[in-house]
Amino acid sequence: MPKPKVAVVMNADMYGQLMSAPVSQALEAFAEPRRQPQEGNLPQSELAGAIADCDAALTTWGSPQFTGEILDRALRLRIIAHAAGSIRPIAAREAFERGIVVTSAAPIIAYYVAEHCLGLAIMLLRNIANHDRAMRAERTWGSAAHKPADSLFDVRVGLVGLGQVGRWLARLLKPFGCEVWACDPHVNPAAAAELGVRLVGLDELLRWCRVVSLHAANLPENRHMIGARELALLPDGACLINTARGGLVDHDALIVELKQNRIKAALDVTDPEPLPAESPLRDLPNTVLTPHVAGPTSAGRWHMAQAMVEELRRFFAGEPLLYEVTKERLATIA
């Protein structure tokens, strides 16, 4: 029986980051990989030709979108395995309507992001960044202004969104004895209870949680869901963490609130990105900034690709998939 043909739709840089020798060997064991050497991203105009005789496609960041017009020419395509997070830039709704299976490594990315959130929470509460800056700038044993610090142990943490990242973070918080609240209209109470999470409204969460971490989907209705009114609800000393998308927060309102030195913030994502050099966020001492790096490490990227190659193997072996994205989930996922 001939091996299925898999189009590896990645530029050279992403291919090098994702397709380690073990991952490539795993793919070659059951499939015939088809890869067109490409330094930059494959142009949309060339995608149809690249996948014309292929049974599957392996994609990642920078891969072009599989539109209806392109799918009309990809008569053999049965599955798209996306070795990255959101499938929206890759798989148009027409893919689902044509019965093409779509699977994504978003769950793999999620626990790396959750780990970063945990680190940011500890940094904010323990004043780690401020202690570091003080010791470097003042050449002393730090500043008394940042002592004493707080701890994550037994703190109430609020998760705005209880998707893949929120669920992983809830698990990571358990050893700290945190009381975890969440706001997510798409999660039923029974599922939240299994995680030991209490579902509440957004206003209640903001009023009573010392640490608030944003994990809502990047949808139009969620833009600036955290604005001046919501920020004012946060208790004094609260820590706001955003590793989801910068557009969830009204940055102008956040800057006003931070300048009052009433709350702290840690941002891995901003709006726009990159963060402008003149942004006041760069100078505020109660802010920790990271450049959209909460996702997988180098080894984590291999893990993503490995998971998607395994999804392809399972698909062609007739086994259940682990990370399938259904048409019904499109309305609520990032």
C-alpha atoms as a PDB file:
ATOM      1  CA  MET A   1       0.000   0.000   0.000  1.00  0.00           C
ATOM      2  CA  PRO A   2       1.522   3.384  -0.987  1.00  0.00           C
ATOM      3  CA  LYS A   3       2.404   5.834   1.733  1.00  0.00           C
ATOM      4  CA  PRO A   4       0.257   8.972   2.041  1.00  0.00           C
ATOM      5  CA  LYS A   5       1.847  12.106   0.610  1.00  0.00           C
ATOM      6  CA  VAL A   6       2.294  14.905   3.147  1.00  0.00           C
ATOM      7  CA  ALA A   7       3.044  18.463   2.036  1.00  0.00           C
ATOM      8  CA  VAL A   8       5.335  20.093   4.612  1.00  0.00           C
ATOM      9  CA  VAL A   9       4.326  23.742   4.145  1.00  0.00           C
ATOM     10  CA  MET A  10       7.040  25.560   6.117  1.00  0.00           C
ATOM     11  CA  ASN A  11       9.728  28.079   5.316  1.00  0.00           C
ATOM     12  CA  ALA A  12      13.348  27.103   5.875  1.00  0.00           C
ATOM     13  CA  ASP A  13      13.608  28.816   9.246  1.00  0.00           C
ATOM     14  CA  MET A  14      10.524  27.163  10.721  1.00  0.00           C
ATOM     15  CA  TYR A  15      11.491  23.827   9.195  1.00  0.00           C
ATOM     16  CA  GLY A  16      14.818  24.020  11.018  1.00  0.00           C
ATOM     17  CA  GLN A  17      13.111  24.901  14.293  1.00  0.00           C
ATOM     18  CA  LEU A  18      10.430  22.230  14.121  1.00  0.00           C
ATOM     19  CA  MET A  19      11.592  19.277  12.073  1.00  0.00           C
ATOM     20  CA  SER A  20      14.330  17.738  14.182  1.00  0.00           C
ATOM     21  CA  ALA A  21      15.872  14.473  12.945  1.00  0.00           C
ATOM     22  CA  PRO A  22      13.608  12.299  15.146  1.00  0.00           C
ATOM     23  CA  VAL A  23      10.508  14.199  13.993  1.00  0.00           C
ATOM     24  CA  SER A  24      11.478  13.882  10.322  1.00  0.00           C
ATOM     25  CA  GLN A  25      12.228  10.190  10.747  1.00  0.00           C
ATOM     26  CA  ALA A  26       8.872   9.621  12.429  1.00  0.00           C
ATOM     27  CA  LEU A  27       7.111  11.251   9.477  1.00  0.00           C
ATOM     28  CA  GLU A  28       9.096   9.291   6.896  1.00  0.00           C
ATOM     29  CA  ALA A  29       8.246   6.035   8.654  1.00  0.00           C
ATOM     30  CA  PHE A  30       4.618   6.142   7.476  1.00  0.00           C
ATOM     31  CA  ALA A  31       4.409   8.941   4.890  1.00  0.00           C
ATOM     32  CA  GLU A  32       6.094  10.437   1.859  1.00  0.00           C
ATOM     33  CA  PRO A  33       6.970  14.028   2.826  1.00  0.00           C
ATOM     34  CA  ARG A  34       6.789  16.646   0.066  1.00  0.00           C
ATOM     35  CA  ARG A  35       8.702  19.832   0.802  1.00  0.00           C
ATOM     36  CA  GLN A  36       9.505  22.685  -1.545  1.00  0.00           C
ATOM     37  CA  PRO A  37      12.690  24.484  -0.439  1.00  0.00           C
ATOM     38  CA  GLN A  38      11.541  27.972   0.499  1.00  0.00           C
ATOM     39  CA  GLU A  39      13.519  30.642   2.324  1.00  0.00           C
ATOM     40  CA  GLY A  40      10.503  32.880   2.917  1.00  0.00           C
ATOM     41  CA  ASN A  41       6.876  31.943   3.445  1.00  0.00           C
ATOM     42  CA  LEU A  42       5.240  30.086   0.575  1.00  0.00           C
ATOM     43  CA  PRO A  43       3.215  32.579  -1.507  1.00  0.00           C
ATOM     44  CA  GLN A  44      -0.527  32.032  -1.512  1.00  0.00           C
ATOM     45  CA  SER A  45      -0.380  31.662  -5.293  1.00  0.00           C
ATOM     46  CA  GLU A  46       1.899  28.628  -5.008  1.00  0.00           C
ATOM     47  CA  LEU A  47       0.027  26.762  -2.276  1.00  0.00           C
ATOM     48  CA  ALA A  48      -2.403  24.956  -4.574  1.00  0.00           C
ATOM     49  CA  GLY A  49       0.445  23.526  -6.629  1.00  0.00           C
ATOM     50  CA  ALA A  50       2.336  22.442  -3.510  1.00  0.00           C
ATOM     51  CA  ILE A  51      -0.566  20.393  -2.167  1.00  0.00           C
ATOM     52  CA  ALA A  52      -2.270  19.349  -5.408  1.00  0.00           C
ATOM     53  CA  ASP A  53      -1.430  15.634  -5.161  1.00  0.00           C
ATOM     54  CA  CYS A  54      -1.039  15.421  -1.378  1.00  0.00           C
ATOM     55  CA  ASP A  55      -3.216  13.618   1.134  1.00  0.00           C
ATOM     56  CA  ALA A  56      -2.206  15.808   4.061  1.00  0.00           C
ATOM     57  CA  ALA A  57      -0.504  19.080   4.922  1.00  0.00           C
ATOM     58  CA  LEU A  58       1.781  19.874   7.843  1.00  0.00           C
ATOM     59  CA  THR A  59       1.758  23.619   8.551  1.00  0.00           C
ATOM     60  CA  THR A  60       3.024  26.108  11.129  1.00  0.00           C
ATOM     61  CA  TRP A  61       3.464  29.855  11.686  1.00  0.00           C
ATOM     62  CA  GLY A  62       3.800  31.666   8.370  1.00  0.00           C
ATOM     63  CA  SER A  63       2.068  29.017   6.270  1.00  0.00           C
ATOM     64  CA  PRO A  64      -0.516  30.473   3.841  1.00  0.00           C
ATOM     65  CA  GLN A  65      -4.234  30.044   4.391  1.00  0.00           C
ATOM     66  CA  PHE A  66      -6.079  27.134   2.785  1.00  0.00           C
ATOM     67  CA  THR A  67      -8.930  29.086   1.184  1.00  0.00           C
ATOM     68  CA  GLY A  68     -11.898  27.630  -0.634  1.00  0.00           C
ATOM     69  CA  GLU A  69     -10.340  28.437  -4.016  1.00  0.00           C
ATOM     70  CA  ILE A  70      -7.171  26.542  -3.108  1.00  0.00           C
ATOM     71  CA  LEU A  71      -9.078  23.624  -1.624  1.00  0.00           C
ATOM     72  CA  ASP A  72     -11.046  23.301  -4.882  1.00  0.00           C
ATOM     73  CA  ARG A  73      -7.772  22.171  -6.481  1.00  0.00           C
ATOM     74  CA  ALA A  74      -6.626  19.992  -3.561  1.00  0.00           C
ATOM     75  CA  LEU A  75      -8.919  17.081  -4.284  1.00  0.00           C
ATOM     76  CA  ARG A  76      -6.859  14.550  -2.313  1.00  0.00           C
ATOM     77  CA  LEU A  77      -6.350  16.624   0.820  1.00  0.00           C
ATOM     78  CA  ARG A  78      -7.923  14.963   3.853  1.00  0.00           C
ATOM     79  CA  ILE A  79      -6.201  16.483   6.866  1.00  0.00           C
ATOM     80  CA  ILE A  80      -4.308  19.634   7.896  1.00  0.00           C
ATOM     81  CA  ALA A  81      -2.024  19.240  10.918  1.00  0.00           C
ATOM     82  CA  HIS A  82      -0.989  22.649  12.242  1.00  0.00           C
ATOM     83  CA  ALA A  83       2.232  22.623  14.281  1.00  0.00           C
ATOM     84  CA  ALA A  84       1.373  25.952  15.927  1.00  0.00           C
ATOM     85  CA  GLY A  85      -1.545  27.465  17.848  1.00  0.00           C
ATOM     86  CA  SER A  86      -4.529  29.212  16.285  1.00  0.00           C
ATOM     87  CA  ILE A  87      -5.827  27.543  13.141  1.00  0.00           C
ATOM     88  CA  ARG A  88      -7.723  30.649  11.988  1.00  0.00           C
ATOM     89  CA  PRO A  89      -4.842  31.989   9.822  1.00  0.00           C
ATOM     90  CA  ILE A  90      -4.464  28.564   8.170  1.00  0.00           C
ATOM     91  CA  ALA A  91      -7.720  26.681   7.835  1.00  0.00           C
ATOM     92  CA  ALA A  92     -10.598  28.701   6.413  1.00  0.00           C
ATOM     93  CA  ARG A  93     -14.130  27.639   7.270  1.00  0.00           C
ATOM     94  CA  GLU A  94     -14.330  26.005   3.831  1.00  0.00           C
ATOM     95  CA  ALA A  95     -11.904  23.335   5.018  1.00  0.00           C
ATOM     96  CA  PHE A  96     -14.359  22.184   7.679  1.00  0.00           C
ATOM     97  CA  GLU A  97     -17.285  22.417   5.272  1.00  0.00           C
ATOM     98  CA  ARG A  98     -15.449  20.096   2.882  1.00  0.00           C
ATOM     99  CA  GLY A  99     -14.919  17.531   5.629  1.00  0.00           C
ATOM    100  CA  ILE A 100     -11.165  18.098   5.837  1.00  0.00           C
ATOM    101  CA  VAL A 101      -9.914  17.193   9.307  1.00  0.00           C
ATOM    102  CA  VAL A 102      -7.997  19.921  11.130  1.00  0.00           C
ATOM    103  CA  THR A 103      -5.757  19.333  14.121  1.00  0.00           C
ATOM    104  CA  SER A 104      -3.613  21.803  16.045  1.00  0.00           C
ATOM    105  CA  ALA A 105      -0.735  21.842  18.520  1.00  0.00           C
ATOM    106  CA  ALA A 106      -2.438  24.560  20.583  1.00  0.00           C
ATOM    107  CA  PRO A 107      -2.775  22.208  23.589  1.00  0.00           C
ATOM    108  CA  ILE A 108       0.987  21.606  23.467  1.00  0.00           C
ATOM    109  CA  ILE A 109       1.670  25.344  23.443  1.00  0.00           C
ATOM    110  CA  ALA A 110      -0.769  25.860  26.310  1.00  0.00           C
ATOM    111  CA  TYR A 111       1.264  24.414  29.140  1.00  0.00           C
ATOM    112  CA  TYR A 112       4.383  26.339  28.113  1.00  0.00           C
ATOM    113  CA  VAL A 113       2.321  29.536  28.240  1.00  0.00           C
ATOM    114  CA  ALA A 114       0.884  28.489  31.604  1.00  0.00           C
ATOM    115  CA  GLU A 115       4.414  27.995  32.915  1.00  0.00           C
ATOM    116  CA  HIS A 116       5.313  31.530  31.806  1.00  0.00           C
ATOM    117  CA  CYS A 117       2.201  32.898  33.541  1.00  0.00           C
ATOM    118  CA  LEU A 118       3.221  31.184  36.743  1.00  0.00           C
ATOM    119  CA  GLY A 119       6.675  32.731  36.519  1.00  0.00           C
ATOM    120  CA  LEU A 120       5.252  36.204  35.860  1.00  0.00           C
ATOM    121  CA  ALA A 121       2.919  35.919  38.851  1.00  0.00           C
ATOM    122  CA  ILE A 122       5.817  35.076  41.141  1.00  0.00           C
ATOM    123  CA  MET A 123       7.946  37.863  39.641  1.00  0.00           C
ATOM    124  CA  LEU A 124       5.253  40.447  40.329  1.00  0.00           C
ATOM    125  CA  LEU A 125       4.383  39.285  43.822  1.00  0.00           C
ATOM    126  CA  ARG A 126       8.006  38.887  44.938  1.00  0.00           C
ATOM    127  CA  ASN A 127       9.134  42.143  43.253  1.00  0.00           C
ATOM    128  CA  ILE A 128      11.918  40.214  41.509  1.00  0.00           C
ATOM    129  CA  ALA A 129      12.328  42.578  38.553  1.00  0.00           C
ATOM    130  CA  ASN A 130      12.376  45.641  40.807  1.00  0.00           C
ATOM    131  CA  HIS A 131      14.967  44.115  43.142  1.00  0.00           C
ATOM    132  CA  ASP A 132      17.127  43.308  40.114  1.00  0.00           C
ATOM    133  CA  ARG A 133      16.813  46.816  38.690  1.00  0.00           C
ATOM    134  CA  ALA A 134      17.532  48.446  42.052  1.00  0.00           C
ATOM    135  CA  MET A 135      20.668  46.412  42.654  1.00  0.00           C
ATOM    136  CA  ARG A 136      21.984  47.207  39.191  1.00  0.00           C
ATOM    137  CA  ALA A 137      21.095  50.919  39.185  1.00  0.00           C
ATOM    138  CA  GLU A 138      21.932  51.757  42.800  1.00  0.00           C
ATOM    139  CA  ARG A 139      24.837  49.327  43.271  1.00  0.00           C
ATOM    140  CA  THR A 140      23.473  48.666  46.761  1.00  0.00           C
ATOM    141  CA  TRP A 141      21.729  45.806  48.513  1.00  0.00           C
ATOM    142  CA  GLY A 142      18.468  46.741  46.791  1.00  0.00           C
ATOM    143  CA  SER A 143      15.779  49.258  47.633  1.00  0.00           C
ATOM    144  CA  ALA A 144      13.681  49.218  50.791  1.00  0.00           C
ATOM    145  CA  ALA A 145      10.765  50.419  48.661  1.00  0.00           C
ATOM    146  CA  HIS A 146      10.392  46.883  47.287  1.00  0.00           C
ATOM    147  CA  LYS A 147      10.543  45.083  50.628  1.00  0.00           C
ATOM    148  CA  PRO A 148       8.819  43.105  51.895  1.00  0.00           C
ATOM    149  CA  ALA A 149       7.482  41.154  48.959  1.00  0.00           C
ATOM    150  CA  ASP A 150       4.363  38.988  48.717  1.00  0.00           C
ATOM    151  CA  SER A 151       3.948  35.290  47.978  1.00  0.00           C
ATOM    152  CA  LEU A 152       1.813  33.254  45.610  1.00  0.00           C
ATOM    153  CA  PHE A 153       0.976  30.748  48.344  1.00  0.00           C
ATOM    154  CA  ASP A 154      -2.728  30.766  49.303  1.00  0.00           C
ATOM    155  CA  VAL A 155      -3.507  33.709  46.992  1.00  0.00           C
ATOM    156  CA  ARG A 156      -6.838  33.901  45.150  1.00  0.00           C
ATOM    157  CA  VAL A 157      -6.122  33.817  41.406  1.00  0.00           C
ATOM    158  CA  GLY A 158      -8.647  34.776  38.744  1.00  0.00           C
ATOM    159  CA  LEU A 159      -8.494  33.342  35.225  1.00  0.00           C
ATOM    160  CA  VAL A 160     -10.314  35.283  32.526  1.00  0.00           C
ATOM    161  CA  GLY A 161     -10.868  32.382  30.150  1.00  0.00           C
ATOM    162  CA  LEU A 162     -10.652  28.715  31.059  1.00  0.00           C
ATOM    163  CA  GLY A 163      -9.417  27.247  27.800  1.00  0.00           C
ATOM    164  CA  GLN A 164      -6.282  25.190  27.310  1.00  0.00           C
ATOM    165  CA  VAL A 165      -3.897  27.680  28.946  1.00  0.00           C
ATOM    166  CA  GLY A 166      -6.253  28.529  31.793  1.00  0.00           C
ATOM    167  CA  ARG A 167      -6.743  24.870  32.625  1.00  0.00           C
ATOM    168  CA  TRP A 168      -3.028  24.174  32.673  1.00  0.00           C
ATOM    169  CA  LEU A 169      -2.421  27.182  34.870  1.00  0.00           C
ATOM    170  CA  ALA A 170      -5.123  26.023  37.285  1.00  0.00           C
ATOM    171  CA  ARG A 171      -3.261  22.729  37.602  1.00  0.00           C
ATOM    172  CA  LEU A 172       0.099  24.447  38.134  1.00  0.00           C
ATOM    173  CA  LEU A 173      -1.383  26.606  40.898  1.00  0.00           C
ATOM    174  CA  LYS A 174      -2.573  23.644  42.973  1.00  0.00           C
ATOM    175  CA  PRO A 175       0.724  23.093  44.872  1.00  0.00           C
ATOM    176  CA  PHE A 176       0.596  26.735  45.967  1.00  0.00           C
ATOM    177  CA  GLY A 177      -2.776  26.257  47.637  1.00  0.00           C
ATOM    178  CA  CYS A 178      -4.319  28.997  45.512  1.00  0.00           C
ATOM    179  CA  GLU A 179      -8.065  29.490  45.406  1.00  0.00           C
ATOM    180  CA  VAL A 180      -8.754  29.652  41.670  1.00  0.00           C
ATOM    181  CA  TRP A 181     -11.700  31.527  40.203  1.00  0.00           C
ATOM    182  CA  ALA A 182     -12.524  31.744  36.512  1.00  0.00           C
ATOM    183  CA  CYS A 183     -14.787  33.698  34.195  1.00  0.00           C
ATOM    184  CA  ASP A 184     -15.706  31.855  30.994  1.00  0.00           C
ATOM    185  CA  PRO A 185     -19.234  31.712  29.526  1.00  0.00           C
ATOM    186  CA  HIS A 186     -18.319  28.669  27.422  1.00  0.00           C
ATOM    187  CA  VAL A 187     -17.335  26.393  30.327  1.00  0.00           C
ATOM    188  CA  ASN A 188     -19.909  24.487  32.329  1.00  0.00           C
ATOM    189  CA  PRO A 189     -19.658  24.394  36.136  1.00  0.00           C
ATOM    190  CA  ALA A 190     -19.070  20.641  36.230  1.00  0.00           C
ATOM    191  CA  ALA A 191     -15.949  20.918  34.044  1.00  0.00           C
ATOM    192  CA  ALA A 192     -14.670  23.784  36.183  1.00  0.00           C
ATOM    193  CA  ALA A 193     -15.381  21.844  39.380  1.00  0.00           C
ATOM    194  CA  GLU A 194     -13.260  18.936  38.129  1.00  0.00           C
ATOM    195  CA  LEU A 195     -10.335  21.363  38.032  1.00  0.00           C
ATOM    196  CA  GLY A 196     -11.176  22.757  41.452  1.00  0.00           C
ATOM    197  CA  VAL A 197     -12.106  26.097  39.868  1.00  0.00           C
ATOM    198  CA  ARG A 198     -15.022  28.324  40.885  1.00  0.00           C
ATOM    199  CA  LEU A 199     -16.887  30.030  38.028  1.00  0.00           C
ATOM    200  CA  VAL A 200     -17.843  33.669  38.671  1.00  0.00           C
ATOM    201  CA  GLY A 201     -18.699  36.798  36.702  1.00  0.00           C
ATOM    202  CA  LEU A 202     -15.965  39.075  35.394  1.00  0.00           C
ATOM    203  CA  ASP A 203     -16.680  41.941  37.789  1.00  0.00           C
ATOM    204  CA  GLU A 204     -16.670  39.645  40.818  1.00  0.00           C
ATOM    205  CA  LEU A 205     -13.405  38.073  39.687  1.00  0.00           C
ATOM    206  CA  LEU A 206     -11.724  41.440  39.218  1.00  0.00           C
ATOM    207  CA  ARG A 207     -12.901  42.734  42.605  1.00  0.00           C
ATOM    208  CA  TRP A 208     -11.742  39.802  44.707  1.00  0.00           C
ATOM    209  CA  CYS A 209      -8.707  38.226  43.028  1.00  0.00           C
ATOM    210  CA  ARG A 210      -5.177  39.325  43.917  1.00  0.00           C
ATOM    211  CA  VAL A 211      -3.762  37.889  40.691  1.00  0.00           C
ATOM    212  CA  VAL A 212      -5.738  38.124  37.429  1.00  0.00           C
ATOM    213  CA  SER A 213      -4.457  36.277  34.362  1.00  0.00           C
ATOM    214  CA  LEU A 214      -6.017  36.813  30.927  1.00  0.00           C
ATOM    215  CA  HIS A 215      -6.689  33.805  28.693  1.00  0.00           C
ATOM    216  CA  ALA A 216      -9.712  34.903  26.665  1.00  0.00           C
ATOM    217  CA  ALA A 217      -9.873  34.213  22.944  1.00  0.00           C
ATOM    218  CA  ASN A 218      -8.799  36.937  20.520  1.00  0.00           C
ATOM    219  CA  LEU A 219     -12.295  37.610  19.178  1.00  0.00           C
ATOM    220  CA  PRO A 220     -13.800  40.979  18.146  1.00  0.00           C
ATOM    221  CA  GLU A 221     -16.202  41.003  21.102  1.00  0.00           C
ATOM    222  CA  ASN A 222     -13.278  40.616  23.520  1.00  0.00           C
ATOM    223  CA  ARG A 223     -11.321  43.638  22.322  1.00  0.00           C
ATOM    224  CA  HIS A 224     -10.586  45.967  25.268  1.00  0.00           C
ATOM    225  CA  MET A 225     -12.612  43.734  27.584  1.00  0.00           C
ATOM    226  CA  ILE A 226     -10.303  45.069  30.301  1.00  0.00           C
ATOM    227  CA  GLY A 227     -10.747  48.842  30.176  1.00  0.00           C
ATOM    228  CA  ALA A 228     -10.780  51.717  32.651  1.00  0.00           C
ATOM    229  CA  ARG A 229     -13.927  50.479  34.415  1.00  0.00           C
ATOM    230  CA  GLU A 230     -12.608  46.944  34.809  1.00  0.00           C
ATOM    231  CA  LEU A 231      -9.150  48.064  35.944  1.00  0.00           C
ATOM    232  CA  ALA A 232     -10.721  50.248  38.615  1.00  0.00           C
ATOM    233  CA  LEU A 233     -12.361  47.143  40.093  1.00  0.00           C
ATOM    234  CA  LEU A 234      -8.997  45.525  40.864  1.00  0.00           C
ATOM    235  CA  PRO A 235      -8.010  45.671  44.535  1.00  0.00           C
ATOM    236  CA  ASP A 236      -4.958  47.643  45.609  1.00  0.00           C
ATOM    237  CA  GLY A 237      -1.805  45.615  44.995  1.00  0.00           C
ATOM    238  CA  ALA A 238      -3.447  43.380  42.385  1.00  0.00           C
ATOM    239  CA  CYS A 239      -1.347  41.822  39.638  1.00  0.00           C
ATOM    240  CA  LEU A 240      -2.656  41.725  36.057  1.00  0.00           C
ATOM    241  CA  ILE A 241      -1.016  39.248  33.670  1.00  0.00           C
ATOM    242  CA  ASN A 242      -1.638  39.088  29.921  1.00  0.00           C
ATOM    243  CA  THR A 243      -0.138  36.297  27.823  1.00  0.00           C
ATOM    244  CA  ALA A 244      -3.159  35.994  25.510  1.00  0.00           C
ATOM    245  CA  ARG A 245      -3.424  38.939  23.100  1.00  0.00           C
ATOM    246  CA  GLY A 246      -2.633  42.605  23.609  1.00  0.00           C
ATOM    247  CA  GLY A 247      -6.009  43.727  22.266  1.00  0.00           C
ATOM    248  CA  LEU A 248      -7.811  42.316  25.307  1.00  0.00           C
ATOM    249  CA  VAL A 249      -6.583  45.305  27.332  1.00  0.00           C
ATOM    250  CA  ASP A 250      -7.097  49.018  26.725  1.00  0.00           C
ATOM    251  CA  HIS A 251      -3.441  50.050  27.003  1.00  0.00           C
ATOM    252  CA  ASP A 252      -4.204  53.741  27.480  1.00  0.00           C
ATOM    253  CA  ALA A 253      -6.407  52.939  30.466  1.00  0.00           C
ATOM    254  CA  LEU A 254      -3.824  50.488  31.811  1.00  0.00           C
ATOM    255  CA  ILE A 255      -1.064  53.095  31.650  1.00  0.00           C
ATOM    256  CA  VAL A 256      -3.225  55.567  33.599  1.00  0.00           C
ATOM    257  CA  GLU A 257      -3.884  52.941  36.268  1.00  0.00           C
ATOM    258  CA  LEU A 258      -0.252  51.848  36.488  1.00  0.00           C
ATOM    259  CA  LYS A 259       0.956  55.428  36.866  1.00  0.00           C
ATOM    260  CA  GLN A 260      -1.086  55.615  40.069  1.00  0.00           C
ATOM    261  CA  ASN A 261       1.092  52.757  41.359  1.00  0.00           C
ATOM    262  CA  ARG A 262      -1.991  50.975  42.663  1.00  0.00           C
ATOM    263  CA  ILE A 263      -1.593  47.730  40.714  1.00  0.00           C
ATOM    264  CA  LYS A 264       1.145  45.814  38.878  1.00  0.00           C
ATOM    265  CA  ALA A 265       1.119  44.284  35.403  1.00  0.00           C
ATOM    266  CA  ALA A 266       3.075  41.688  33.460  1.00  0.00           C
ATOM    267  CA  LEU A 267       2.616  41.740  29.692  1.00  0.00           C
ATOM    268  CA  ASP A 268       3.936  39.184  27.246  1.00  0.00           C
ATOM    269  CA  VAL A 269       1.640  40.570  24.542  1.00  0.00           C
ATOM    270  CA  THR A 270       0.875  44.159  23.614  1.00  0.00           C
ATOM    271  CA  ASP A 271      -1.187  46.153  21.162  1.00  0.00           C
ATOM    272  CA  PRO A 272       0.527  46.873  18.840  1.00  0.00           C
ATOM    273  CA  GLU A 273       3.432  44.463  18.618  1.00  0.00           C
ATOM    274  CA  PRO A 274       6.275  45.128  18.860  1.00  0.00           C
ATOM    275  CA  LEU A 275       5.661  47.548  21.720  1.00  0.00           C
ATOM    276  CA  PRO A 276       6.575  51.063  20.471  1.00  0.00           C
ATOM    277  CA  ALA A 277       9.906  52.320  21.789  1.00  0.00           C
ATOM    278  CA  GLU A 278       8.223  55.426  23.210  1.00  0.00           C
ATOM    279  CA  SER A 279       5.520  53.501  25.099  1.00  0.00           C
ATOM    280  CA  PRO A 280       5.274  54.566  28.780  1.00  0.00           C
ATOM    281  CA  LEU A 281       4.948  50.894  29.669  1.00  0.00           C
ATOM    282  CA  ARG A 282       8.687  50.539  29.104  1.00  0.00           C
ATOM    283  CA  ASP A 283       9.451  52.979  31.915  1.00  0.00           C
ATOM    284  CA  LEU A 284       6.921  52.047  34.575  1.00  0.00           C
ATOM    285  CA  PRO A 285       8.600  50.234  37.501  1.00  0.00           C
ATOM    286  CA  ASN A 286       5.460  48.271  38.366  1.00  0.00           C
ATOM    287  CA  THR A 287       5.435  46.570  34.973  1.00  0.00           C
ATOM    288  CA  VAL A 288       7.212  43.433  33.754  1.00  0.00           C
ATOM    289  CA  LEU A 289       7.511  43.086  29.975  1.00  0.00           C
ATOM    290  CA  THR A 290       8.461  40.076  27.854  1.00  0.00           C
ATOM    291  CA  PRO A 291       8.455  40.089  24.011  1.00  0.00           C
ATOM    292  CA  HIS A 292       5.733  37.516  23.190  1.00  0.00           C
ATOM    293  CA  VAL A 293       7.890  34.593  24.308  1.00  0.00           C
ATOM    294  CA  ALA A 294       5.461  32.732  26.572  1.00  0.00           C
ATOM    295  CA  GLY A 295       5.095  29.927  24.043  1.00  0.00           C
ATOM    296  CA  PRO A 296       7.248  26.859  23.521  1.00  0.00           C
ATOM    297  CA  THR A 297      10.986  26.755  24.019  1.00  0.00           C
ATOM    298  CA  SER A 298      13.221  25.237  21.330  1.00  0.00           C
ATOM    299  CA  ALA A 299      12.570  21.742  22.633  1.00  0.00           C
ATOM    300  CA  GLY A 300       8.903  22.628  22.934  1.00  0.00           C
ATOM    301  CA  ARG A 301       8.723  23.405  19.224  1.00  0.00           C
ATOM    302  CA  TRP A 302      10.021  19.938  18.428  1.00  0.00           C
ATOM    303  CA  HIS A 303       7.353  18.630  20.787  1.00  0.00           C
ATOM    304  CA  MET A 304       4.682  20.486  18.783  1.00  0.00           C
ATOM    305  CA  ALA A 305       5.877  19.067  15.473  1.00  0.00           C
ATOM    306  CA  GLN A 306       6.204  15.607  16.968  1.00  0.00           C
ATOM    307  CA  ALA A 307       2.606  15.780  18.220  1.00  0.00           C
ATOM    308  CA  MET A 308       1.310  16.787  14.780  1.00  0.00           C
ATOM    309  CA  VAL A 309       3.298  14.074  13.024  1.00  0.00           C
ATOM    310  CA  GLU A 310       1.795  11.603  15.466  1.00  0.00           C
ATOM    311  CA  GLU A 311      -1.657  13.008  14.666  1.00  0.00           C
ATOM    312  CA  LEU A 312      -1.036  12.315  10.992  1.00  0.00           C
ATOM    313  CA  ARG A 313       0.114   8.801  11.772  1.00  0.00           C
ATOM    314  CA  ARG A 314      -2.996   8.174  13.871  1.00  0.00           C
ATOM    315  CA  PHE A 315      -5.249   9.566  11.138  1.00  0.00           C
ATOM    316  CA  PHE A 316      -3.885   7.344   8.401  1.00  0.00           C
ATOM    317  CA  ALA A 317      -3.886   4.351  10.754  1.00  0.00           C
ATOM    318  CA  GLY A 318      -7.569   4.923  11.495  1.00  0.00           C
ATOM    319  CA  GLU A 319      -6.932   5.772  15.159  1.00  0.00           C
ATOM    320  CA  PRO A 320      -8.689   8.551  17.142  1.00  0.00           C
ATOM    321  CA  LEU A 321      -6.994  11.946  17.056  1.00  0.00           C
ATOM    322  CA  LEU A 322      -5.923  13.722  20.231  1.00  0.00           C
ATOM    323  CA  TYR A 323      -5.966  17.371  19.139  1.00  0.00           C
ATOM    324  CA  GLU A 324      -8.705  17.703  16.518  1.00  0.00           C
ATOM    325  CA  VAL A 325     -10.346  21.113  16.053  1.00  0.00           C
ATOM    326  CA  THR A 326     -14.029  20.812  15.213  1.00  0.00           C
ATOM    327  CA  LYS A 327     -16.205  23.213  13.251  1.00  0.00           C
ATOM    328  CA  GLU A 328     -18.322  23.766  16.370  1.00  0.00           C
ATOM    329  CA  ARG A 329     -15.318  25.084  18.314  1.00  0.00           C
ATOM    330  CA  LEU A 330     -14.436  27.750  15.736  1.00  0.00           C
ATOM    331  CA  ALA A 331     -16.774  30.327  17.263  1.00  0.00           C
ATOM    332  CA  THR A 332     -15.119  30.242  20.680  1.00  0.00           C
ATOM    333  CA  ILE A 333     -11.420  29.483  20.178  1.00  0.00           C
ATOM    334  CA  ALA A 334      -8.689  32.022  19.520  1.00  0.00           C
END
